Amino acid sequence: MFIRIKSLATFALAATLSLALPAQAEETLTAGTVMATVDGTEITLGHMIALRNSLPPQYDQVPANILYDGILEQLIQQTLLMQSFEGDLPLIYQMTVENERRGVYARTVIERVMGEPITDEQLQKAYEEQYLNSGQGIEYSAAHILVDTEDEAKALIEELNGGADFATLAKEKSTGPSGAQGGDLGWFSEGMMVEPFFDAVAALKPDEISPPVQSEFGWHVILLKETRTKQSPELDQVRDALEEELRRAAFDGYVEKLTKAADIEQPEFEGLDPEIVNKTDLMEN
């Protein structure tokens, strides 16, 4: 959106003048108050406020009287141009108007759903589930040797059971990037490793070596070095993040409910090329 700002001389002059509001007392103005009429088409204070609300942050630095004049002038010009239009609106703009209308309604619903108050009880429950009762309070220090086949992993376990040094074998045999560090992975907690790997680590005791574990990266032989309890943050430290997660969950649940209740049909087109969304020539009418 572009609001035309006049010359610097005009800007300086206008900045010294009081805001030219209609003769009506300001306290009686409402969103429906007509600020201008163009050949019978009314421009209300609500139209002006809506346009002001859509402007990017840089317009916050413009004095209010300059904004007022610029917004009203733009709306008058847009109305004149709209009234001068003849013929049918190009199809791409018809679709744009429909999409913008769809988006406005969607944003309004999103604001309502995600704006519902979050109670202290909800926050406390989310905090306990995520930080106290989820198992994420345990951190693991482990090393692994990554190889391509299960047989290779079994052979490594035999060597380790025979007294071979884990770090030395990792440097010699591991195909993973941690091999150069003796397979050491540092400290991690749930969610930081792929599921099969983490499940195997969580089942080990310190200084215990796992059986061969397969993941999308290959076959692992894992050594659990030690565990520790991770210090949980205080509720106030994660309050904002938890509130955002709860609002997002409320929104996802709302959309899921709507989706299940709706009759949604998506025809399948054999051989459809996704590049079709770039074919703007289909919008020519």
C-alpha atoms as a PDB file:
ATOM      1  CA  MET A   1       0.000   0.000   0.000  1.00  0.00           C
ATOM      2  CA  PHE A   2       1.409   3.421  -0.936  1.00  0.00           C
ATOM      3  CA  ILE A   3       0.371   6.728   0.581  1.00  0.00           C
ATOM      4  CA  ARG A   4       1.677   9.641  -1.445  1.00  0.00           C
ATOM      5  CA  ILE A   5       3.576  12.138   0.703  1.00  0.00           C
ATOM      6  CA  LYS A   6       3.828  15.615  -0.792  1.00  0.00           C
ATOM      7  CA  SER A   7       6.977  17.715  -1.225  1.00  0.00           C
ATOM      8  CA  LEU A   8       9.192  18.561   1.733  1.00  0.00           C
ATOM      9  CA  ALA A   9       7.988  22.164   1.655  1.00  0.00           C
ATOM     10  CA  THR A  10       4.372  21.038   1.776  1.00  0.00           C
ATOM     11  CA  PHE A  11       5.274  18.527   4.493  1.00  0.00           C
ATOM     12  CA  ALA A  12       6.841  21.271   6.644  1.00  0.00           C
ATOM     13  CA  LEU A  13       3.888  23.582   6.115  1.00  0.00           C
ATOM     14  CA  ALA A  14       1.328  20.880   6.863  1.00  0.00           C
ATOM     15  CA  ALA A  15       3.162  19.897  10.016  1.00  0.00           C
ATOM     16  CA  THR A  16       2.494  23.391  11.421  1.00  0.00           C
ATOM     17  CA  LEU A  17      -1.224  23.220  10.767  1.00  0.00           C
ATOM     18  CA  SER A  18      -3.880  21.577  12.911  1.00  0.00           C
ATOM     19  CA  LEU A  19      -5.595  18.421  11.669  1.00  0.00           C
ATOM     20  CA  ALA A  20      -8.438  19.362   9.350  1.00  0.00           C
ATOM     21  CA  LEU A  21     -11.244  17.208  10.704  1.00  0.00           C
ATOM     22  CA  PRO A  22     -14.887  17.733   9.709  1.00  0.00           C
ATOM     23  CA  ALA A  23     -16.814  20.298  11.679  1.00  0.00           C
ATOM     24  CA  GLN A  24     -18.323  17.536  13.825  1.00  0.00           C
ATOM     25  CA  ALA A  25     -16.935  17.192  17.380  1.00  0.00           C
ATOM     26  CA  GLU A  26     -14.308  14.452  17.516  1.00  0.00           C
ATOM     27  CA  GLU A  27     -15.972  12.613  20.382  1.00  0.00           C
ATOM     28  CA  THR A  28     -19.089  12.068  18.263  1.00  0.00           C
ATOM     29  CA  LEU A  29     -17.236  10.473  15.367  1.00  0.00           C
ATOM     30  CA  THR A  30     -17.751   6.758  14.744  1.00  0.00           C
ATOM     31  CA  ALA A  31     -16.435   4.236  12.239  1.00  0.00           C
ATOM     32  CA  GLY A  32     -19.521   4.961  10.164  1.00  0.00           C
ATOM     33  CA  THR A  33     -18.950   8.729  10.037  1.00  0.00           C
ATOM     34  CA  VAL A  34     -18.713   9.873   6.397  1.00  0.00           C
ATOM     35  CA  MET A  35     -15.457  11.742   5.752  1.00  0.00           C
ATOM     36  CA  ALA A  36     -15.974  12.248   2.004  1.00  0.00           C
ATOM     37  CA  THR A  37     -18.498  11.391  -0.717  1.00  0.00           C
ATOM     38  CA  VAL A  38     -17.456  10.781  -4.307  1.00  0.00           C
ATOM     39  CA  ASP A  39     -20.392  10.792  -6.724  1.00  0.00           C
ATOM     40  CA  GLY A  40     -22.567   9.139  -4.098  1.00  0.00           C
ATOM     41  CA  THR A  41     -19.958   6.662  -2.840  1.00  0.00           C
ATOM     42  CA  GLU A  42     -19.225   7.235   0.839  1.00  0.00           C
ATOM     43  CA  ILE A  43     -15.775   7.074   2.395  1.00  0.00           C
ATOM     44  CA  THR A  44     -16.107   6.591   6.126  1.00  0.00           C
ATOM     45  CA  LEU A  45     -13.747   7.027   9.044  1.00  0.00           C
ATOM     46  CA  GLY A  46     -13.800   3.225   9.275  1.00  0.00           C
ATOM     47  CA  HIS A  47     -12.378   2.983   5.739  1.00  0.00           C
ATOM     48  CA  MET A  48      -9.603   5.377   6.726  1.00  0.00           C
ATOM     49  CA  ILE A  49      -8.748   3.521   9.924  1.00  0.00           C
ATOM     50  CA  ALA A  50      -8.704   0.179   8.082  1.00  0.00           C
ATOM     51  CA  LEU A  51      -6.301   1.579   5.477  1.00  0.00           C
ATOM     52  CA  ARG A  52      -4.101   3.090   8.208  1.00  0.00           C
ATOM     53  CA  ASN A  53      -4.029  -0.261  10.000  1.00  0.00           C
ATOM     54  CA  SER A  54      -2.737  -1.979   6.857  1.00  0.00           C
ATOM     55  CA  LEU A  55       0.245   0.340   6.393  1.00  0.00           C
ATOM     56  CA  PRO A  56       3.792  -0.940   7.107  1.00  0.00           C
ATOM     57  CA  PRO A  57       5.637   0.188  10.275  1.00  0.00           C
ATOM     58  CA  GLN A  58       7.608   2.975   8.562  1.00  0.00           C
ATOM     59  CA  TYR A  59       4.429   5.037   8.420  1.00  0.00           C
ATOM     60  CA  ASP A  60       4.476   5.220  12.223  1.00  0.00           C
ATOM     61  CA  GLN A  61       7.052   8.025  11.803  1.00  0.00           C
ATOM     62  CA  VAL A  62       4.728  10.163   9.673  1.00  0.00           C
ATOM     63  CA  PRO A  63       2.808  12.867  11.595  1.00  0.00           C
ATOM     64  CA  ALA A  64      -0.879  12.061  12.017  1.00  0.00           C
ATOM     65  CA  ASN A  65      -2.067  15.111  10.064  1.00  0.00           C
ATOM     66  CA  ILE A  66       0.024  14.093   7.060  1.00  0.00           C
ATOM     67  CA  LEU A  67      -1.259  10.522   7.278  1.00  0.00           C
ATOM     68  CA  TYR A  68      -4.839  11.735   7.580  1.00  0.00           C
ATOM     69  CA  ASP A  69      -4.575  13.847   4.421  1.00  0.00           C
ATOM     70  CA  GLY A  70      -2.713  11.158   2.496  1.00  0.00           C
ATOM     71  CA  ILE A  71      -5.114   8.368   3.450  1.00  0.00           C
ATOM     72  CA  LEU A  72      -8.203  10.373   2.587  1.00  0.00           C
ATOM     73  CA  GLU A  73      -6.671  11.544  -0.693  1.00  0.00           C
ATOM     74  CA  GLN A  74      -5.764   7.966  -1.623  1.00  0.00           C
ATOM     75  CA  LEU A  75      -9.254   6.669  -0.865  1.00  0.00           C
ATOM     76  CA  ILE A  76     -10.814   9.475  -2.912  1.00  0.00           C
ATOM     77  CA  GLN A  77      -8.485   8.736  -5.835  1.00  0.00           C
ATOM     78  CA  GLN A  78      -9.148   5.002  -5.620  1.00  0.00           C
ATOM     79  CA  THR A  79     -12.894   5.674  -5.603  1.00  0.00           C
ATOM     80  CA  LEU A  80     -12.613   7.899  -8.668  1.00  0.00           C
ATOM     81  CA  LEU A  81     -10.563   5.262 -10.481  1.00  0.00           C
ATOM     82  CA  MET A  82     -12.989   2.513  -9.465  1.00  0.00           C
ATOM     83  CA  GLN A  83     -15.936   4.533 -10.727  1.00  0.00           C
ATOM     84  CA  SER A  84     -14.160   5.159 -14.034  1.00  0.00           C
ATOM     85  CA  PHE A  85     -13.627   1.441 -14.647  1.00  0.00           C
ATOM     86  CA  GLU A  86     -15.588  -0.019 -17.557  1.00  0.00           C
ATOM     87  CA  GLY A  87     -16.042  -3.619 -18.640  1.00  0.00           C
ATOM     88  CA  ASP A  88     -15.381  -6.775 -16.681  1.00  0.00           C
ATOM     89  CA  LEU A  89     -12.707  -7.038 -14.015  1.00  0.00           C
ATOM     90  CA  PRO A  90      -9.885  -9.297 -15.291  1.00  0.00           C
ATOM     91  CA  LEU A  91     -10.289 -12.851 -14.013  1.00  0.00           C
ATOM     92  CA  ILE A  92      -7.040 -12.818 -12.047  1.00  0.00           C
ATOM     93  CA  TYR A  93      -8.267  -9.795 -10.073  1.00  0.00           C
ATOM     94  CA  GLN A  94     -11.670 -11.374  -9.510  1.00  0.00           C
ATOM     95  CA  MET A  95      -9.899 -14.377  -8.009  1.00  0.00           C
ATOM     96  CA  THR A  96      -7.619 -12.070  -6.001  1.00  0.00           C
ATOM     97  CA  VAL A  97     -10.630 -10.318  -4.477  1.00  0.00           C
ATOM     98  CA  GLU A  98     -12.165 -13.683  -3.562  1.00  0.00           C
ATOM     99  CA  ASN A  99      -8.898 -14.884  -2.025  1.00  0.00           C
ATOM    100  CA  GLU A 100      -8.484 -11.676  -0.032  1.00  0.00           C
ATOM    101  CA  ARG A 101     -12.037 -11.993   1.279  1.00  0.00           C
ATOM    102  CA  ARG A 102     -11.343 -15.618   2.197  1.00  0.00           C
ATOM    103  CA  GLY A 103      -8.129 -14.547   3.927  1.00  0.00           C
ATOM    104  CA  VAL A 104      -9.795 -11.793   5.952  1.00  0.00           C
ATOM    105  CA  TYR A 105     -12.407 -14.190   7.319  1.00  0.00           C
ATOM    106  CA  ALA A 106      -9.758 -16.832   8.006  1.00  0.00           C
ATOM    107  CA  ARG A 107      -7.515 -14.367   9.870  1.00  0.00           C
ATOM    108  CA  THR A 108     -10.467 -13.223  11.956  1.00  0.00           C
ATOM    109  CA  VAL A 109     -11.281 -16.790  12.999  1.00  0.00           C
ATOM    110  CA  ILE A 110      -7.608 -17.500  13.716  1.00  0.00           C
ATOM    111  CA  GLU A 111      -7.423 -14.440  15.970  1.00  0.00           C
ATOM    112  CA  ARG A 112     -10.543 -15.537  17.825  1.00  0.00           C
ATOM    113  CA  VAL A 113      -9.420 -19.130  18.305  1.00  0.00           C
ATOM    114  CA  MET A 114      -5.836 -18.312  19.260  1.00  0.00           C
ATOM    115  CA  GLY A 115      -6.941 -15.341  21.333  1.00  0.00           C
ATOM    116  CA  GLU A 116      -8.897 -17.457  23.807  1.00  0.00           C
ATOM    117  CA  PRO A 117      -7.502 -16.940  27.342  1.00  0.00           C
ATOM    118  CA  ILE A 118      -5.011 -19.540  28.587  1.00  0.00           C
ATOM    119  CA  THR A 119      -5.722 -20.498  32.192  1.00  0.00           C
ATOM    120  CA  ASP A 120      -3.108 -21.062  34.889  1.00  0.00           C
ATOM    121  CA  GLU A 121      -4.321 -24.657  35.121  1.00  0.00           C
ATOM    122  CA  GLN A 122      -3.657 -25.227  31.417  1.00  0.00           C
ATOM    123  CA  LEU A 123      -0.194 -23.715  31.714  1.00  0.00           C
ATOM    124  CA  GLN A 124       0.698 -25.776  34.757  1.00  0.00           C
ATOM    125  CA  LYS A 125      -0.455 -28.979  33.097  1.00  0.00           C
ATOM    126  CA  ALA A 126       1.512 -28.234  29.921  1.00  0.00           C
ATOM    127  CA  TYR A 127       4.581 -27.368  31.968  1.00  0.00           C
ATOM    128  CA  GLU A 128       4.442 -30.605  33.943  1.00  0.00           C
ATOM    129  CA  GLU A 129       3.871 -32.718  30.830  1.00  0.00           C
ATOM    130  CA  GLN A 130       6.687 -31.115  28.866  1.00  0.00           C
ATOM    131  CA  TYR A 131       9.309 -30.560  31.534  1.00  0.00           C
ATOM    132  CA  LEU A 132       8.569 -32.769  34.526  1.00  0.00           C
ATOM    133  CA  ASN A 133       6.800 -35.927  33.358  1.00  0.00           C
ATOM    134  CA  SER A 134       7.885 -36.421  29.766  1.00  0.00           C
ATOM    135  CA  GLY A 135      11.263 -38.015  30.273  1.00  0.00           C
ATOM    136  CA  GLN A 136      12.884 -35.043  28.576  1.00  0.00           C
ATOM    137  CA  GLY A 137      14.430 -34.207  31.917  1.00  0.00           C
ATOM    138  CA  ILE A 138      17.033 -36.945  31.349  1.00  0.00           C
ATOM    139  CA  GLU A 139      20.101 -36.265  29.231  1.00  0.00           C
ATOM    140  CA  TYR A 140      22.343 -38.936  27.772  1.00  0.00           C
ATOM    141  CA  SER A 141      26.027 -38.974  26.909  1.00  0.00           C
ATOM    142  CA  ALA A 142      26.743 -41.641  24.311  1.00  0.00           C
ATOM    143  CA  ALA A 143      29.036 -42.688  21.488  1.00  0.00           C
ATOM    144  CA  HIS A 144      28.339 -44.836  18.458  1.00  0.00           C
ATOM    145  CA  ILE A 145      29.977 -46.606  15.575  1.00  0.00           C
ATOM    146  CA  LEU A 146      28.036 -46.371  12.316  1.00  0.00           C
ATOM    147  CA  VAL A 147      28.479 -49.063   9.647  1.00  0.00           C
ATOM    148  CA  ASP A 148      26.618 -50.165   6.537  1.00  0.00           C
ATOM    149  CA  THR A 149      25.488 -53.698   7.465  1.00  0.00           C
ATOM    150  CA  GLU A 150      24.208 -55.647  10.437  1.00  0.00           C
ATOM    151  CA  ASP A 151      27.016 -58.187  10.042  1.00  0.00           C
ATOM    152  CA  GLU A 152      29.603 -55.434  10.400  1.00  0.00           C
ATOM    153  CA  ALA A 153      27.840 -54.211  13.552  1.00  0.00           C
ATOM    154  CA  LYS A 154      27.829 -57.727  15.021  1.00  0.00           C
ATOM    155  CA  ALA A 155      31.533 -58.123  14.286  1.00  0.00           C
ATOM    156  CA  LEU A 156      32.260 -54.859  16.091  1.00  0.00           C
ATOM    157  CA  ILE A 157      30.310 -56.020  19.147  1.00  0.00           C
ATOM    158  CA  GLU A 158      32.404 -59.196  19.242  1.00  0.00           C
ATOM    159  CA  GLU A 159      35.580 -57.128  19.201  1.00  0.00           C
ATOM    160  CA  LEU A 160      34.274 -54.878  21.961  1.00  0.00           C
ATOM    161  CA  ASN A 161      33.281 -57.865  24.074  1.00  0.00           C
ATOM    162  CA  GLY A 162      36.809 -59.146  23.564  1.00  0.00           C
ATOM    163  CA  GLY A 163      38.272 -55.996  25.097  1.00  0.00           C
ATOM    164  CA  ALA A 164      38.701 -53.690  22.100  1.00  0.00           C
ATOM    165  CA  ASP A 165      38.602 -49.950  22.802  1.00  0.00           C
ATOM    166  CA  PHE A 166      35.339 -48.343  21.635  1.00  0.00           C
ATOM    167  CA  ALA A 167      36.849 -44.982  20.650  1.00  0.00           C
ATOM    168  CA  THR A 168      39.643 -46.641  18.690  1.00  0.00           C
ATOM    169  CA  LEU A 169      37.188 -48.820  16.747  1.00  0.00           C
ATOM    170  CA  ALA A 170      34.989 -45.803  16.056  1.00  0.00           C
ATOM    171  CA  LYS A 171      37.915 -43.896  14.560  1.00  0.00           C
ATOM    172  CA  GLU A 172      38.847 -46.884  12.424  1.00  0.00           C
ATOM    173  CA  LYS A 173      35.438 -48.231  11.375  1.00  0.00           C
ATOM    174  CA  SER A 174      32.687 -45.630  11.749  1.00  0.00           C
ATOM    175  CA  THR A 175      31.299 -44.053   8.590  1.00  0.00           C
ATOM    176  CA  GLY A 176      29.596 -41.301  10.564  1.00  0.00           C
ATOM    177  CA  PRO A 177      30.984 -37.763  11.101  1.00  0.00           C
ATOM    178  CA  SER A 178      31.511 -38.458  14.824  1.00  0.00           C
ATOM    179  CA  GLY A 179      34.010 -41.219  14.034  1.00  0.00           C
ATOM    180  CA  ALA A 180      36.936 -38.803  14.197  1.00  0.00           C
ATOM    181  CA  GLN A 181      35.937 -38.015  17.800  1.00  0.00           C
ATOM    182  CA  GLY A 182      35.836 -41.661  18.762  1.00  0.00           C
ATOM    183  CA  GLY A 183      32.105 -41.781  18.030  1.00  0.00           C
ATOM    184  CA  ASP A 184      31.317 -39.298  20.811  1.00  0.00           C
ATOM    185  CA  LEU A 185      27.915 -37.596  20.405  1.00  0.00           C
ATOM    186  CA  GLY A 186      28.009 -35.375  23.471  1.00  0.00           C
ATOM    187  CA  TRP A 187      24.922 -34.794  25.571  1.00  0.00           C
ATOM    188  CA  PHE A 188      21.410 -35.062  24.105  1.00  0.00           C
ATOM    189  CA  SER A 189      17.848 -35.631  25.209  1.00  0.00           C
ATOM    190  CA  GLU A 190      14.629 -37.000  23.763  1.00  0.00           C
ATOM    191  CA  GLY A 191      13.719 -35.604  20.379  1.00  0.00           C
ATOM    192  CA  MET A 192      17.289 -34.796  19.379  1.00  0.00           C
ATOM    193  CA  MET A 193      18.060 -38.167  17.789  1.00  0.00           C
ATOM    194  CA  VAL A 194      16.137 -40.377  15.367  1.00  0.00           C
ATOM    195  CA  GLU A 195      13.638 -42.559  17.215  1.00  0.00           C
ATOM    196  CA  PRO A 196      15.233 -46.027  16.822  1.00  0.00           C
ATOM    197  CA  PHE A 197      18.573 -44.662  17.988  1.00  0.00           C
ATOM    198  CA  PHE A 198      17.151 -42.819  20.989  1.00  0.00           C
ATOM    199  CA  ASP A 199      14.976 -45.760  22.038  1.00  0.00           C
ATOM    200  CA  ALA A 200      18.062 -47.979  22.068  1.00  0.00           C
ATOM    201  CA  VAL A 201      20.024 -45.446  24.124  1.00  0.00           C
ATOM    202  CA  ALA A 202      17.198 -45.050  26.640  1.00  0.00           C
ATOM    203  CA  ALA A 203      17.121 -48.820  27.165  1.00  0.00           C
ATOM    204  CA  LEU A 204      20.831 -49.010  28.074  1.00  0.00           C
ATOM    205  CA  LYS A 205      22.575 -48.684  31.406  1.00  0.00           C
ATOM    206  CA  PRO A 206      25.770 -46.631  31.726  1.00  0.00           C
ATOM    207  CA  ASP A 207      28.826 -48.382  30.217  1.00  0.00           C
ATOM    208  CA  GLU A 208      26.530 -50.841  28.400  1.00  0.00           C
ATOM    209  CA  ILE A 209      26.803 -51.533  24.650  1.00  0.00           C
ATOM    210  CA  SER A 210      23.707 -51.983  22.511  1.00  0.00           C
ATOM    211  CA  PRO A 211      22.940 -54.776  20.070  1.00  0.00           C
ATOM    212  CA  PRO A 212      22.958 -53.647  16.413  1.00  0.00           C
ATOM    213  CA  VAL A 213      20.457 -50.800  15.907  1.00  0.00           C
ATOM    214  CA  GLN A 214      19.173 -49.887  12.464  1.00  0.00           C
ATOM    215  CA  SER A 215      18.197 -46.364  11.476  1.00  0.00           C
ATOM    216  CA  GLU A 216      17.845 -44.501   8.209  1.00  0.00           C
ATOM    217  CA  PHE A 217      21.593 -43.822   8.349  1.00  0.00           C
ATOM    218  CA  GLY A 218      22.744 -47.435   8.661  1.00  0.00           C
ATOM    219  CA  TRP A 219      23.598 -49.770  11.548  1.00  0.00           C
ATOM    220  CA  HIS A 220      24.741 -48.437  14.914  1.00  0.00           C
ATOM    221  CA  VAL A 221      26.659 -49.917  17.808  1.00  0.00           C
ATOM    222  CA  ILE A 222      25.998 -47.621  20.755  1.00  0.00           C
ATOM    223  CA  LEU A 223      27.843 -47.087  24.023  1.00  0.00           C
ATOM    224  CA  LEU A 224      25.946 -45.266  26.765  1.00  0.00           C
ATOM    225  CA  LYS A 225      28.520 -43.408  28.836  1.00  0.00           C
ATOM    226  CA  GLU A 226      26.380 -41.740  31.492  1.00  0.00           C
ATOM    227  CA  THR A 227      23.078 -40.007  32.190  1.00  0.00           C
ATOM    228  CA  ARG A 228      22.118 -36.934  34.148  1.00  0.00           C
ATOM    229  CA  THR A 229      18.976 -35.094  35.137  1.00  0.00           C
ATOM    230  CA  LYS A 230      18.502 -31.918  33.179  1.00  0.00           C
ATOM    231  CA  GLN A 231      17.524 -28.913  35.270  1.00  0.00           C
ATOM    232  CA  SER A 232      14.009 -27.907  34.281  1.00  0.00           C
ATOM    233  CA  PRO A 233      13.374 -24.206  33.720  1.00  0.00           C
ATOM    234  CA  GLU A 234      10.994 -22.327  35.975  1.00  0.00           C
ATOM    235  CA  LEU A 235       7.461 -21.953  34.671  1.00  0.00           C
ATOM    236  CA  ASP A 236       7.847 -18.193  34.262  1.00  0.00           C
ATOM    237  CA  GLN A 237      10.878 -18.743  32.029  1.00  0.00           C
ATOM    238  CA  VAL A 238       8.873 -20.778  29.527  1.00  0.00           C
ATOM    239  CA  ARG A 239       5.435 -19.229  30.040  1.00  0.00           C
ATOM    240  CA  ASP A 240       5.351 -17.387  26.713  1.00  0.00           C
ATOM    241  CA  ALA A 241       6.530 -20.432  24.759  1.00  0.00           C
ATOM    242  CA  LEU A 242       3.991 -22.689  26.471  1.00  0.00           C
ATOM    243  CA  GLU A 243       1.179 -20.222  25.826  1.00  0.00           C
ATOM    244  CA  GLU A 244       2.130 -20.129  22.143  1.00  0.00           C
ATOM    245  CA  GLU A 245       2.169 -23.935  21.996  1.00  0.00           C
ATOM    246  CA  LEU A 246      -1.251 -24.115  23.664  1.00  0.00           C
ATOM    247  CA  ARG A 247      -2.692 -21.548  21.264  1.00  0.00           C
ATOM    248  CA  ARG A 248      -1.232 -23.413  18.309  1.00  0.00           C
ATOM    249  CA  ALA A 249      -2.654 -26.686  19.625  1.00  0.00           C
ATOM    250  CA  ALA A 250      -6.069 -25.033  20.036  1.00  0.00           C
ATOM    251  CA  PHE A 251      -5.907 -23.794  16.450  1.00  0.00           C
ATOM    252  CA  ASP A 252      -4.784 -27.177  15.086  1.00  0.00           C
ATOM    253  CA  GLY A 253      -7.597 -28.873  17.005  1.00  0.00           C
ATOM    254  CA  TYR A 254     -10.132 -26.388  15.661  1.00  0.00           C
ATOM    255  CA  VAL A 255      -9.010 -26.934  12.067  1.00  0.00           C
ATOM    256  CA  GLU A 256      -9.049 -30.706  12.562  1.00  0.00           C
ATOM    257  CA  LYS A 257     -12.610 -30.502  13.907  1.00  0.00           C
ATOM    258  CA  LEU A 258     -13.727 -28.403  10.934  1.00  0.00           C
ATOM    259  CA  THR A 259     -11.986 -30.737   8.492  1.00  0.00           C
ATOM    260  CA  LYS A 260     -13.646 -33.833   9.915  1.00  0.00           C
ATOM    261  CA  ALA A 261     -17.075 -32.191   9.811  1.00  0.00           C
ATOM    262  CA  ALA A 262     -16.715 -30.811   6.284  1.00  0.00           C
ATOM    263  CA  ASP A 263     -17.451 -32.523   2.981  1.00  0.00           C
ATOM    264  CA  ILE A 264     -14.180 -31.871   1.150  1.00  0.00           C
ATOM    265  CA  GLU A 265     -13.774 -33.147  -2.395  1.00  0.00           C
ATOM    266  CA  GLN A 266     -10.467 -32.991  -4.283  1.00  0.00           C
ATOM    267  CA  PRO A 267     -10.726 -34.436  -7.789  1.00  0.00           C
ATOM    268  CA  GLU A 268      -7.666 -36.323  -9.020  1.00  0.00           C
ATOM    269  CA  PHE A 269      -6.264 -35.366 -12.414  1.00  0.00           C
ATOM    270  CA  GLU A 270      -4.059 -37.983 -14.007  1.00  0.00           C
ATOM    271  CA  GLY A 271      -0.695 -36.633 -15.093  1.00  0.00           C
ATOM    272  CA  LEU A 272      -1.260 -33.220 -13.513  1.00  0.00           C
ATOM    273  CA  ASP A 273       1.920 -31.124 -13.614  1.00  0.00           C
ATOM    274  CA  PRO A 274       2.222 -29.013 -10.428  1.00  0.00           C
ATOM    275  CA  GLU A 275       3.809 -26.288 -12.572  1.00  0.00           C
ATOM    276  CA  ILE A 276       0.283 -25.466 -13.712  1.00  0.00           C
ATOM    277  CA  VAL A 277      -0.022 -23.009 -10.808  1.00  0.00           C
ATOM    278  CA  ASN A 278       2.493 -20.801 -12.660  1.00  0.00           C
ATOM    279  CA  LYS A 279       0.413 -20.649 -15.872  1.00  0.00           C
ATOM    280  CA  THR A 280      -0.983 -17.122 -15.532  1.00  0.00           C
ATOM    281  CA  ASP A 281      -2.132 -17.256 -19.164  1.00  0.00           C
ATOM    282  CA  LEU A 282      -5.064 -19.395 -17.944  1.00  0.00           C
ATOM    283  CA  MET A 283      -6.390 -16.258 -16.228  1.00  0.00           C
ATOM    284  CA  GLU A 284      -6.722 -14.271 -19.441  1.00  0.00           C
ATOM    285  CA  ASN A 285     -10.308 -13.425 -20.258  1.00  0.00           C
END
